[in-house]
Amino acid sequence: MLRPGKLANVIGEMKRAKLNVLGLAETRWKEEGDFTSDGIRIIHTGGENSQNGVAVLVEEKIARSIIKIERYGSRMIEVKIKSEPVDIVIIQIYMPTTTHEDEEVDNMYERLEEILDRTKGTDYVVIM
């Protein structure tokens, strides 16, 4: 996602495929952010030295219904969308690979479990 024009390309493909929500992993953006580009809201985490990073891209009409955004380091983000009949919770994760320490992988699973424990049983949860 660091190359010029890459985000525009992804947004174009998202629109072509008629997707309302898209999750990205390994965005490699340095700082967290929240901005709109070409009618798509981009909510993302940041990573040290342009490493890691996740993002959730949401079509503008649906983005107006976002009621919660939580970032958990550079590898996980939670976005909650007010919806009927139930709210939708999107969790985008960039899991560590097998080359990482077992402790780091275990910490990611523990954090995910904590998020899921806090989520109401009536919410529709999507983990990407």
Protein backbone atom coordinates (compact mmCIF):
# COMPACT_ATOMS: atom_id res chain seq x y z
CA MET A 1 0.00 0.00 0.00
CA LEU A 2 3.04 2.28 0.05
CA ARG A 3 3.29 2.62 -3.74
CA PRO A 4 1.63 5.66 -5.30
CA GLY A 5 -1.77 4.81 -6.77
CA LYS A 6 -2.12 1.52 -4.89
CA LEU A 7 -4.96 2.75 -2.66
CA ALA A 8 -6.82 4.14 -5.68
CA ASN A 9 -6.40 0.75 -7.37
CA VAL A 10 -7.81 -1.09 -4.34
CA ILE A 11 -10.76 1.33 -4.10
CA GLY A 12 -11.42 0.86 -7.81
CA GLU A 13 -11.45 -2.93 -7.43
CA MET A 14 -13.70 -2.62 -4.37
CA LYS A 15 -16.21 -0.59 -6.38
CA ARG A 16 -15.95 -2.86 -9.42
CA ALA A 17 -16.73 -5.89 -7.23
CA LYS A 18 -19.57 -3.90 -5.57
CA LEU A 19 -18.18 -4.49 -2.07
CA ASN A 20 -19.47 -2.33 0.78
CA VAL A 21 -16.73 -3.38 3.21
CA LEU A 22 -13.18 -4.57 2.57
CA GLY A 23 -10.46 -5.59 5.01
CA LEU A 24 -6.74 -5.21 4.31
CA ALA A 25 -3.75 -6.69 6.09
CA GLU A 26 -0.10 -5.66 5.92
CA THR A 27 -0.89 -2.12 4.80
CA ARG A 28 2.55 -0.95 6.01
CA TRP A 29 1.33 2.58 6.81
CA LYS A 30 3.36 4.20 9.60
CA GLU A 31 0.60 6.02 11.47
CA GLU A 32 -2.98 5.15 12.33
CA GLY A 33 -5.64 7.16 10.59
CA ASP A 34 -9.20 7.65 9.45
CA PHE A 35 -9.96 9.42 6.18
CA THR A 36 -12.22 9.33 3.14
CA SER A 37 -11.04 8.85 -0.43
CA ASP A 38 -13.29 8.62 -3.48
CA GLY A 39 -16.39 7.87 -1.39
CA ILE A 40 -14.69 5.19 0.72
CA ARG A 41 -13.82 5.63 4.40
CA ILE A 42 -10.43 4.13 5.27
CA ILE A 43 -9.85 3.33 8.95
CA HIS A 44 -6.40 1.94 9.66
CA THR A 45 -3.72 1.14 12.21
CA GLY A 46 -0.07 2.08 11.89
CA GLY A 47 3.07 0.05 12.26
CA GLU A 48 6.63 0.75 13.26
CA ASN A 49 9.03 1.22 10.35
CA SER A 50 6.20 0.76 7.84
CA GLN A 51 5.56 -2.81 8.99
CA ASN A 52 2.32 -4.66 9.73
CA GLY A 53 -0.86 -2.57 9.71
CA VAL A 54 -4.50 -3.39 8.97
CA ALA A 55 -7.34 -1.39 7.49
CA VAL A 56 -11.09 -1.56 7.03
CA LEU A 57 -12.50 0.21 3.99
CA VAL A 58 -16.21 1.07 4.19
CA GLU A 59 -18.50 2.54 1.56
CA GLU A 60 -19.49 6.08 2.60
CA LYS A 61 -23.21 5.40 3.13
CA ILE A 62 -22.47 2.53 5.52
CA ALA A 63 -19.61 4.47 7.13
CA ARG A 64 -22.17 6.92 8.54
CA SER A 65 -23.45 4.06 10.72
CA ILE A 66 -20.09 3.31 12.38
CA ILE A 67 -20.51 3.57 16.15
CA LYS A 68 -17.20 2.22 17.42
CA ILE A 69 -13.58 1.97 16.30
CA GLU A 70 -10.90 0.27 18.38
CA ARG A 71 -7.30 -0.30 17.36
CA TYR A 72 -5.27 -3.01 19.07
CA GLY A 73 -1.65 -2.37 18.16
CA SER A 74 -0.64 -2.54 14.53
CA ARG A 75 -2.20 -5.94 13.79
CA MET A 76 -5.87 -5.71 14.79
CA ILE A 77 -8.77 -3.31 14.38
CA GLU A 78 -12.43 -3.53 15.40
CA VAL A 79 -15.18 -1.56 13.66
CA LYS A 80 -18.79 -1.72 14.87
CA ILE A 81 -21.60 -0.73 12.53
CA LYS A 82 -25.11 0.10 13.73
CA SER A 83 -27.48 -2.12 11.77
CA GLU A 84 -30.90 -3.75 11.89
CA PRO A 85 -31.85 -6.24 13.17
CA VAL A 86 -28.42 -6.56 14.87
CA ASP A 87 -25.19 -4.57 14.90
CA ILE A 88 -22.22 -5.80 12.85
CA VAL A 89 -18.74 -6.08 14.39
CA ILE A 90 -15.87 -6.37 11.93
CA ILE A 91 -12.49 -7.48 13.25
CA GLN A 92 -9.59 -7.27 10.79
CA ILE A 93 -6.46 -9.13 11.89
CA TYR A 94 -2.98 -9.58 10.49
CA MET A 95 -1.79 -12.66 12.38
CA PRO A 96 1.91 -13.25 13.02
CA THR A 97 3.42 -16.02 10.91
CA THR A 98 5.10 -19.17 12.19
CA THR A 99 8.44 -17.33 12.16
CA HIS A 100 7.25 -15.20 15.11
CA GLU A 101 7.57 -16.20 18.75
CA ASP A 102 4.80 -18.43 20.12
CA GLU A 103 4.14 -15.82 22.80
CA GLU A 104 3.30 -13.18 20.18
CA VAL A 105 0.85 -15.55 18.46
CA ASP A 106 -0.71 -16.52 21.80
CA ASN A 107 -1.12 -12.83 22.71
CA MET A 108 -3.04 -12.21 19.48
CA TYR A 109 -5.43 -15.08 20.20
CA GLU A 110 -5.91 -13.86 23.79
CA ARG A 111 -6.67 -10.33 22.60
CA LEU A 112 -9.18 -11.70 20.07
CA GLU A 113 -10.85 -13.75 22.80
CA GLU A 114 -11.12 -10.62 24.98
CA ILE A 115 -12.79 -8.72 22.14
CA LEU A 116 -15.21 -11.57 21.48
CA ASP A 117 -16.06 -11.84 25.20
CA ARG A 118 -17.00 -8.12 25.23
CA THR A 119 -19.16 -8.43 22.12
CA LYS A 120 -22.87 -8.76 22.77
CA GLY A 121 -24.27 -12.15 21.85
CA THR A 122 -26.75 -10.53 19.48
CA ASP A 123 -24.08 -8.79 17.35
CA TYR A 124 -23.10 -10.32 14.02
CA VAL A 125 -19.30 -10.77 14.16
CA VAL A 126 -17.06 -11.02 11.10
CA ILE A 127 -13.39 -11.89 11.64
CA MET A 128 -11.15 -11.29 8.66
